[in-house]
Amino acid sequence: MKKILLTGAIALFGLSQAQIAKGTAYLSGQVEYSHTERTEVNNGMNTNTGIKEDVVKIIPTAGYFVGTNLAVGLGVGYKSAVNKYKLSNPGFGDLLEIKETDNVFVVAPFVRKYWSLSEKLYIFGQLQVPLEFGQEKLDINNDVQGGDPLLSHSFSGKNNYTNIGVNIKPGLDYFLNKNWSIEATIGEFGYNTYKRDLEGAKRTNDYKFGLNLSSVTFGVKYVFAK
């Protein structure tokens, strides 16, 4: 019991030492690219669906410490996502191709609170309100070799949408020196609501909870240290 209390006291003491001063500003950003491919098999219909997903995200971020270890900031950037689906039958070849393209303008204000683990290592919690304003485009192509005439004809359409979220992200921030640091966020807790600009369209709500190691993101930050 004494060892546990001593360990807790040392931890609390360590958390109280290093501080990031009020008035400190920093620049950072998120650059992300992901590409995934997979195949889903429907044995009942004897069809395969090949899926390709590409996502590009560029969001520069600026932050300012309004108090000791407490920062507010804003990220502004762009996101593009392209999803391709190809329906095929082993005996008849390709049947249908679908392409979904999203182009999104992103605005993400946030508040971030730091706690120090050592002179250079901090943990933080970030409350963010991401706002996405975008357009999605849908292209359906039935004019592929071996295409099934019973399936829908070629079609192309566009639609505007908004996506609003409230997210909390825990993370780590390690200072290489007084001006440069490397940060990482792990998982996400939050809520997002998605609304398409179509008559009669309903909102889609999404809840995210968990420290998922597959959703770790890394970033580099430049600090205008005093």
C-alpha atoms as a PDB file:
ATOM      1  CA  MET A   1       0.000   0.000   0.000  1.00  0.00           C
ATOM      2  CA  LYS A   2       2.835   2.367   0.851  1.00  0.00           C
ATOM      3  CA  LYS A   3       4.469   1.618  -2.507  1.00  0.00           C
ATOM      4  CA  ILE A   4       1.232   2.445  -4.324  1.00  0.00           C
ATOM      5  CA  LEU A   5       0.858   5.761  -2.470  1.00  0.00           C
ATOM      6  CA  LEU A   6       4.508   6.613  -3.112  1.00  0.00           C
ATOM      7  CA  THR A   7       4.150   5.827  -6.823  1.00  0.00           C
ATOM      8  CA  GLY A   8       1.022   7.987  -7.028  1.00  0.00           C
ATOM      9  CA  ALA A   9       2.748  10.864  -5.263  1.00  0.00           C
ATOM     10  CA  ILE A  10       5.717  10.666  -7.642  1.00  0.00           C
ATOM     11  CA  ALA A  11       3.357  10.631 -10.626  1.00  0.00           C
ATOM     12  CA  LEU A  12       1.452  13.674  -9.379  1.00  0.00           C
ATOM     13  CA  PHE A  13       4.721  15.462  -8.665  1.00  0.00           C
ATOM     14  CA  GLY A  14       5.921  14.702 -12.193  1.00  0.00           C
ATOM     15  CA  LEU A  15       2.687  16.014 -13.688  1.00  0.00           C
ATOM     16  CA  SER A  16       3.139  19.363 -11.941  1.00  0.00           C
ATOM     17  CA  GLN A  17       6.658  20.237 -13.146  1.00  0.00           C
ATOM     18  CA  ALA A  18       6.948  21.135 -16.841  1.00  0.00           C
ATOM     19  CA  GLN A  19       4.567  23.780 -18.162  1.00  0.00           C
ATOM     20  CA  ILE A  20       3.796  25.421 -21.489  1.00  0.00           C
ATOM     21  CA  ALA A  21       3.512  29.154 -20.870  1.00  0.00           C
ATOM     22  CA  LYS A  22       0.560  31.359 -21.668  1.00  0.00           C
ATOM     23  CA  GLY A  23       1.100  33.268 -24.911  1.00  0.00           C
ATOM     24  CA  THR A  24       2.943  30.411 -26.663  1.00  0.00           C
ATOM     25  CA  ALA A  25       1.818  29.833 -30.254  1.00  0.00           C
ATOM     26  CA  TYR A  26       2.378  26.894 -32.579  1.00  0.00           C
ATOM     27  CA  LEU A  27       1.797  25.655 -36.111  1.00  0.00           C
ATOM     28  CA  SER A  28       1.078  22.075 -37.068  1.00  0.00           C
ATOM     29  CA  GLY A  29      -1.008  20.172 -39.547  1.00  0.00           C
ATOM     30  CA  GLN A  30      -2.433  16.891 -40.662  1.00  0.00           C
ATOM     31  CA  VAL A  31      -1.451  15.284 -43.947  1.00  0.00           C
ATOM     32  CA  GLU A  32      -3.057  11.930 -44.567  1.00  0.00           C
ATOM     33  CA  TYR A  33      -3.253   9.503 -47.451  1.00  0.00           C
ATOM     34  CA  SER A  34      -4.770   6.048 -47.315  1.00  0.00           C
ATOM     35  CA  HIS A  35      -5.482   3.409 -49.944  1.00  0.00           C
ATOM     36  CA  THR A  36      -7.326   0.170 -49.299  1.00  0.00           C
ATOM     37  CA  GLU A  37      -8.527  -2.641 -51.554  1.00  0.00           C
ATOM     38  CA  ARG A  38     -10.719  -5.580 -50.643  1.00  0.00           C
ATOM     39  CA  THR A  39     -13.161  -8.055 -52.161  1.00  0.00           C
ATOM     40  CA  GLU A  40     -16.534  -9.016 -50.725  1.00  0.00           C
ATOM     41  CA  VAL A  41     -18.057 -12.295 -51.875  1.00  0.00           C
ATOM     42  CA  ASN A  42     -21.798 -12.992 -52.036  1.00  0.00           C
ATOM     43  CA  ASN A  43     -22.124 -16.751 -52.401  1.00  0.00           C
ATOM     44  CA  GLY A  44     -25.918 -16.580 -52.617  1.00  0.00           C
ATOM     45  CA  MET A  45     -25.834 -14.393 -55.746  1.00  0.00           C
ATOM     46  CA  ASN A  46     -22.503 -15.816 -56.983  1.00  0.00           C
ATOM     47  CA  THR A  47     -21.025 -12.325 -57.273  1.00  0.00           C
ATOM     48  CA  ASN A  48     -17.855 -10.563 -56.153  1.00  0.00           C
ATOM     49  CA  THR A  49     -17.622  -6.887 -55.226  1.00  0.00           C
ATOM     50  CA  GLY A  50     -14.193  -5.325 -55.597  1.00  0.00           C
ATOM     51  CA  ILE A  51     -13.809  -2.201 -53.444  1.00  0.00           C
ATOM     52  CA  LYS A  52     -11.081   0.449 -53.698  1.00  0.00           C
ATOM     53  CA  GLU A  53     -10.911   3.413 -51.315  1.00  0.00           C
ATOM     54  CA  ASP A  54      -8.562   6.416 -51.536  1.00  0.00           C
ATOM     55  CA  VAL A  55      -8.566   9.267 -49.006  1.00  0.00           C
ATOM     56  CA  VAL A  56      -6.430  12.435 -49.067  1.00  0.00           C
ATOM     57  CA  LYS A  57      -6.599  14.954 -46.219  1.00  0.00           C
ATOM     58  CA  ILE A  58      -4.580  18.183 -45.762  1.00  0.00           C
ATOM     59  CA  ILE A  59      -5.456  20.344 -42.747  1.00  0.00           C
ATOM     60  CA  PRO A  60      -2.976  23.027 -41.527  1.00  0.00           C
ATOM     61  CA  THR A  61      -3.527  23.963 -37.858  1.00  0.00           C
ATOM     62  CA  ALA A  62      -2.626  26.924 -35.650  1.00  0.00           C
ATOM     63  CA  GLY A  63      -2.835  27.001 -31.859  1.00  0.00           C
ATOM     64  CA  TYR A  64      -2.378  29.555 -29.084  1.00  0.00           C
ATOM     65  CA  PHE A  65      -2.009  28.962 -25.337  1.00  0.00           C
ATOM     66  CA  VAL A  66      -4.557  31.154 -23.574  1.00  0.00           C
ATOM     67  CA  GLY A  67      -3.386  29.821 -20.215  1.00  0.00           C
ATOM     68  CA  THR A  68      -0.704  27.560 -18.791  1.00  0.00           C
ATOM     69  CA  ASN A  69      -0.957  24.193 -20.596  1.00  0.00           C
ATOM     70  CA  LEU A  70      -4.282  25.256 -22.168  1.00  0.00           C
ATOM     71  CA  ALA A  71      -4.480  25.980 -25.897  1.00  0.00           C
ATOM     72  CA  VAL A  72      -7.182  26.916 -28.379  1.00  0.00           C
ATOM     73  CA  GLY A  73      -6.781  26.616 -32.118  1.00  0.00           C
ATOM     74  CA  LEU A  74      -8.231  26.185 -35.565  1.00  0.00           C
ATOM     75  CA  GLY A  75      -7.635  23.780 -38.414  1.00  0.00           C
ATOM     76  CA  VAL A  76      -8.704  24.659 -41.969  1.00  0.00           C
ATOM     77  CA  GLY A  77      -8.187  22.372 -44.922  1.00  0.00           C
ATOM     78  CA  TYR A  78      -9.419  19.980 -47.568  1.00  0.00           C
ATOM     79  CA  LYS A  79     -10.362  16.314 -47.806  1.00  0.00           C
ATOM     80  CA  SER A  80     -10.986  14.141 -50.850  1.00  0.00           C
ATOM     81  CA  ALA A  81     -12.327  10.584 -50.820  1.00  0.00           C
ATOM     82  CA  VAL A  82     -12.866   8.276 -53.800  1.00  0.00           C
ATOM     83  CA  ASN A  83     -14.628   4.914 -53.441  1.00  0.00           C
ATOM     84  CA  LYS A  84     -14.916   2.514 -56.368  1.00  0.00           C
ATOM     85  CA  TYR A  85     -17.108  -0.601 -56.448  1.00  0.00           C
ATOM     86  CA  LYS A  86     -16.988  -3.191 -59.225  1.00  0.00           C
ATOM     87  CA  LEU A  87     -19.619  -5.933 -59.251  1.00  0.00           C
ATOM     88  CA  SER A  88     -18.597  -9.038 -61.155  1.00  0.00           C
ATOM     89  CA  ASN A  89     -19.671 -12.614 -61.748  1.00  0.00           C
ATOM     90  CA  PRO A  90     -17.027 -15.341 -62.186  1.00  0.00           C
ATOM     91  CA  GLY A  91     -18.871 -16.698 -65.216  1.00  0.00           C
ATOM     92  CA  PHE A  92     -19.955 -13.449 -66.905  1.00  0.00           C
ATOM     93  CA  GLY A  93     -17.229 -10.916 -66.055  1.00  0.00           C
ATOM     94  CA  ASP A  94     -17.848  -7.347 -64.901  1.00  0.00           C
ATOM     95  CA  LEU A  95     -21.493  -6.403 -64.399  1.00  0.00           C
ATOM     96  CA  LEU A  96     -21.531  -2.925 -62.871  1.00  0.00           C
ATOM     97  CA  GLU A  97     -19.146  -0.168 -61.780  1.00  0.00           C
ATOM     98  CA  ILE A  98     -19.939   2.514 -59.188  1.00  0.00           C
ATOM     99  CA  LYS A  99     -17.728   5.474 -58.275  1.00  0.00           C
ATOM    100  CA  GLU A 100     -18.366   7.812 -55.324  1.00  0.00           C
ATOM    101  CA  THR A 101     -16.306  11.012 -55.045  1.00  0.00           C
ATOM    102  CA  ASP A 102     -16.368  13.391 -52.076  1.00  0.00           C
ATOM    103  CA  ASN A 103     -14.667  16.795 -52.079  1.00  0.00           C
ATOM    104  CA  VAL A 104     -14.833  18.480 -48.683  1.00  0.00           C
ATOM    105  CA  PHE A 105     -13.865  21.826 -47.104  1.00  0.00           C
ATOM    106  CA  VAL A 106     -12.985  21.318 -43.433  1.00  0.00           C
ATOM    107  CA  VAL A 107     -13.051  23.804 -40.525  1.00  0.00           C
ATOM    108  CA  ALA A 108     -12.096  22.381 -37.118  1.00  0.00           C
ATOM    109  CA  PRO A 109     -11.871  24.628 -34.009  1.00  0.00           C
ATOM    110  CA  PHE A 110     -10.514  22.933 -30.884  1.00  0.00           C
ATOM    111  CA  VAL A 111      -9.478  23.256 -27.252  1.00  0.00           C
ATOM    112  CA  ARG A 112      -6.517  21.248 -25.933  1.00  0.00           C
ATOM    113  CA  LYS A 113      -5.405  20.681 -22.320  1.00  0.00           C
ATOM    114  CA  TYR A 114      -1.897  19.405 -21.492  1.00  0.00           C
ATOM    115  CA  TRP A 115      -0.536  17.502 -18.484  1.00  0.00           C
ATOM    116  CA  SER A 116       3.204  16.917 -18.219  1.00  0.00           C
ATOM    117  CA  LEU A 117       4.697  13.470 -17.630  1.00  0.00           C
ATOM    118  CA  SER A 118       8.274  14.746 -17.802  1.00  0.00           C
ATOM    119  CA  GLU A 119      10.146  17.807 -19.000  1.00  0.00           C
ATOM    120  CA  LYS A 120       9.626  16.808 -22.647  1.00  0.00           C
ATOM    121  CA  LEU A 121       6.667  14.403 -22.628  1.00  0.00           C
ATOM    122  CA  TYR A 122       3.032  15.503 -22.238  1.00  0.00           C
ATOM    123  CA  ILE A 123      -0.350  13.865 -22.458  1.00  0.00           C
ATOM    124  CA  PHE A 124      -3.285  15.913 -23.707  1.00  0.00           C
ATOM    125  CA  GLY A 125      -7.009  15.809 -24.205  1.00  0.00           C
ATOM    126  CA  GLN A 126      -8.492  17.636 -27.182  1.00  0.00           C
ATOM    127  CA  LEU A 127     -12.087  18.713 -27.685  1.00  0.00           C
ATOM    128  CA  GLN A 128     -12.730  19.395 -31.364  1.00  0.00           C
ATOM    129  CA  VAL A 129     -15.762  20.489 -33.374  1.00  0.00           C
ATOM    130  CA  PRO A 130     -15.062  19.481 -36.999  1.00  0.00           C
ATOM    131  CA  LEU A 131     -17.314  21.049 -39.637  1.00  0.00           C
ATOM    132  CA  GLU A 132     -17.309  19.592 -43.141  1.00  0.00           C
ATOM    133  CA  PHE A 133     -19.010  21.192 -46.137  1.00  0.00           C
ATOM    134  CA  GLY A 134     -18.769  19.126 -49.267  1.00  0.00           C
ATOM    135  CA  GLN A 135     -20.159  17.705 -52.440  1.00  0.00           C
ATOM    136  CA  GLU A 136     -20.534  14.049 -53.297  1.00  0.00           C
ATOM    137  CA  LYS A 137     -20.724  12.772 -56.853  1.00  0.00           C
ATOM    138  CA  LEU A 138     -22.096   9.391 -57.852  1.00  0.00           C
ATOM    139  CA  ASP A 139     -21.292   7.725 -61.190  1.00  0.00           C
ATOM    140  CA  ILE A 140     -22.889   4.409 -62.154  1.00  0.00           C
ATOM    141  CA  ASN A 141     -21.576   2.783 -65.315  1.00  0.00           C
ATOM    142  CA  ASN A 142     -23.451  -0.166 -66.742  1.00  0.00           C
ATOM    143  CA  ASP A 143     -21.630   0.059 -70.095  1.00  0.00           C
ATOM    144  CA  VAL A 144     -18.832  -2.301 -69.066  1.00  0.00           C
ATOM    145  CA  GLN A 145     -17.909  -5.438 -70.957  1.00  0.00           C
ATOM    146  CA  GLY A 146     -20.419  -8.117 -70.108  1.00  0.00           C
ATOM    147  CA  GLY A 147     -22.702  -5.602 -68.399  1.00  0.00           C
ATOM    148  CA  ASP A 148     -26.138  -6.861 -67.433  1.00  0.00           C
ATOM    149  CA  PRO A 149     -28.893  -4.886 -69.273  1.00  0.00           C
ATOM    150  CA  LEU A 150     -31.286  -5.676 -66.437  1.00  0.00           C
ATOM    151  CA  LEU A 151     -29.190  -3.552 -64.080  1.00  0.00           C
ATOM    152  CA  SER A 152     -29.566   0.219 -63.952  1.00  0.00           C
ATOM    153  CA  HIS A 153     -28.414   2.334 -66.885  1.00  0.00           C
ATOM    154  CA  SER A 154     -25.493   4.715 -66.633  1.00  0.00           C
ATOM    155  CA  PHE A 155     -26.167   7.514 -64.164  1.00  0.00           C
ATOM    156  CA  SER A 156     -24.349  10.544 -62.801  1.00  0.00           C
ATOM    157  CA  GLY A 157     -25.504  12.832 -59.992  1.00  0.00           C
ATOM    158  CA  LYS A 158     -24.230  15.396 -57.487  1.00  0.00           C
ATOM    159  CA  ASN A 159     -25.337  16.322 -54.006  1.00  0.00           C
ATOM    160  CA  ASN A 160     -24.182  18.812 -51.359  1.00  0.00           C
ATOM    161  CA  TYR A 161     -23.896  17.764 -47.717  1.00  0.00           C
ATOM    162  CA  THR A 162     -22.726  18.888 -44.289  1.00  0.00           C
ATOM    163  CA  ASN A 163     -21.102  16.861 -41.531  1.00  0.00           C
ATOM    164  CA  ILE A 164     -20.813  18.256 -37.988  1.00  0.00           C
ATOM    165  CA  GLY A 165     -19.049  16.528 -35.131  1.00  0.00           C
ATOM    166  CA  VAL A 166     -18.052  16.894 -31.492  1.00  0.00           C
ATOM    167  CA  ASN A 167     -14.992  14.746 -30.773  1.00  0.00           C
ATOM    168  CA  ILE A 168     -12.601  14.154 -27.890  1.00  0.00           C
ATOM    169  CA  LYS A 169      -9.152  12.778 -28.696  1.00  0.00           C
ATOM    170  CA  PRO A 170      -6.477  11.736 -26.174  1.00  0.00           C
ATOM    171  CA  GLY A 171      -2.845  11.977 -27.225  1.00  0.00           C
ATOM    172  CA  LEU A 172       0.866  12.270 -26.480  1.00  0.00           C
ATOM    173  CA  ASP A 173       3.204  15.168 -27.320  1.00  0.00           C
ATOM    174  CA  TYR A 174       6.998  14.768 -27.152  1.00  0.00           C
ATOM    175  CA  PHE A 175       9.223  17.866 -27.444  1.00  0.00           C
ATOM    176  CA  LEU A 176      12.432  17.193 -29.368  1.00  0.00           C
ATOM    177  CA  ASN A 177      13.599  20.667 -28.372  1.00  0.00           C
ATOM    178  CA  LYS A 178      11.951  23.969 -27.457  1.00  0.00           C
ATOM    179  CA  ASN A 179      10.695  24.517 -31.024  1.00  0.00           C
ATOM    180  CA  TRP A 180       9.808  21.090 -32.403  1.00  0.00           C
ATOM    181  CA  SER A 181       7.576  18.326 -31.114  1.00  0.00           C
ATOM    182  CA  ILE A 182       6.038  15.078 -32.355  1.00  0.00           C
ATOM    183  CA  GLU A 183       2.452  14.335 -31.355  1.00  0.00           C
ATOM    184  CA  ALA A 184       0.160  11.356 -31.686  1.00  0.00           C
ATOM    185  CA  THR A 185      -3.553  10.855 -31.059  1.00  0.00           C
ATOM    186  CA  ILE A 186      -4.997   7.458 -30.199  1.00  0.00           C
ATOM    187  CA  GLY A 187      -8.631   6.669 -30.924  1.00  0.00           C
ATOM    188  CA  GLU A 188     -11.599   8.987 -30.731  1.00  0.00           C
ATOM    189  CA  PHE A 189     -14.628   9.559 -28.544  1.00  0.00           C
ATOM    190  CA  GLY A 190     -17.391  11.549 -30.144  1.00  0.00           C
ATOM    191  CA  TYR A 191     -20.488  12.153 -32.184  1.00  0.00           C
ATOM    192  CA  ASN A 192     -21.033  13.123 -35.825  1.00  0.00           C
ATOM    193  CA  THR A 193     -24.198  14.033 -37.688  1.00  0.00           C
ATOM    194  CA  TYR A 194     -24.414  13.893 -41.481  1.00  0.00           C
ATOM    195  CA  LYS A 195     -27.078  15.707 -43.549  1.00  0.00           C
ATOM    196  CA  ARG A 196     -27.595  15.527 -47.296  1.00  0.00           C
ATOM    197  CA  ASP A 197     -29.277  18.412 -49.150  1.00  0.00           C
ATOM    198  CA  LEU A 198     -32.031  16.300 -50.656  1.00  0.00           C
ATOM    199  CA  GLU A 199     -35.758  16.669 -50.185  1.00  0.00           C
ATOM    200  CA  GLY A 200     -36.870  14.279 -47.489  1.00  0.00           C
ATOM    201  CA  ALA A 201     -33.307  13.282 -46.590  1.00  0.00           C
ATOM    202  CA  LYS A 202     -32.735  12.334 -42.971  1.00  0.00           C
ATOM    203  CA  ARG A 203     -29.754  12.976 -40.751  1.00  0.00           C
ATOM    204  CA  THR A 204     -27.360  10.125 -40.087  1.00  0.00           C
ATOM    205  CA  ASN A 205     -25.838  10.029 -36.610  1.00  0.00           C
ATOM    206  CA  ASP A 206     -22.584   8.263 -35.796  1.00  0.00           C
ATOM    207  CA  TYR A 207     -21.024   7.584 -32.386  1.00  0.00           C
ATOM    208  CA  LYS A 208     -17.343   6.715 -31.947  1.00  0.00           C
ATOM    209  CA  PHE A 209     -15.827   5.321 -28.768  1.00  0.00           C
ATOM    210  CA  GLY A 210     -12.530   3.553 -28.203  1.00  0.00           C
ATOM    211  CA  LEU A 211      -8.749   3.611 -28.072  1.00  0.00           C
ATOM    212  CA  ASN A 212      -8.194   1.872 -31.386  1.00  0.00           C
ATOM    213  CA  LEU A 213      -4.501   1.373 -32.155  1.00  0.00           C
ATOM    214  CA  SER A 214      -5.336   1.188 -35.867  1.00  0.00           C
ATOM    215  CA  SER A 215      -6.538   4.820 -35.750  1.00  0.00           C
ATOM    216  CA  VAL A 216      -3.315   6.347 -34.396  1.00  0.00           C
ATOM    217  CA  THR A 217      -2.359   9.588 -36.165  1.00  0.00           C
ATOM    218  CA  PHE A 218       1.018  11.351 -36.005  1.00  0.00           C
ATOM    219  CA  GLY A 219       1.934  14.984 -36.550  1.00  0.00           C
ATOM    220  CA  VAL A 220       4.827  17.433 -36.288  1.00  0.00           C
ATOM    221  CA  LYS A 221       4.427  20.763 -34.523  1.00  0.00           C
ATOM    222  CA  TYR A 222       6.530  23.955 -34.598  1.00  0.00           C
ATOM    223  CA  VAL A 223       6.345  25.982 -31.397  1.00  0.00           C
ATOM    224  CA  PHE A 224       7.104  29.707 -31.227  1.00  0.00           C
ATOM    225  CA  ALA A 225       8.751  29.306 -27.834  1.00  0.00           C
ATOM    226  CA  LYS A 226       9.333  32.353 -25.668  1.00  0.00           C
END
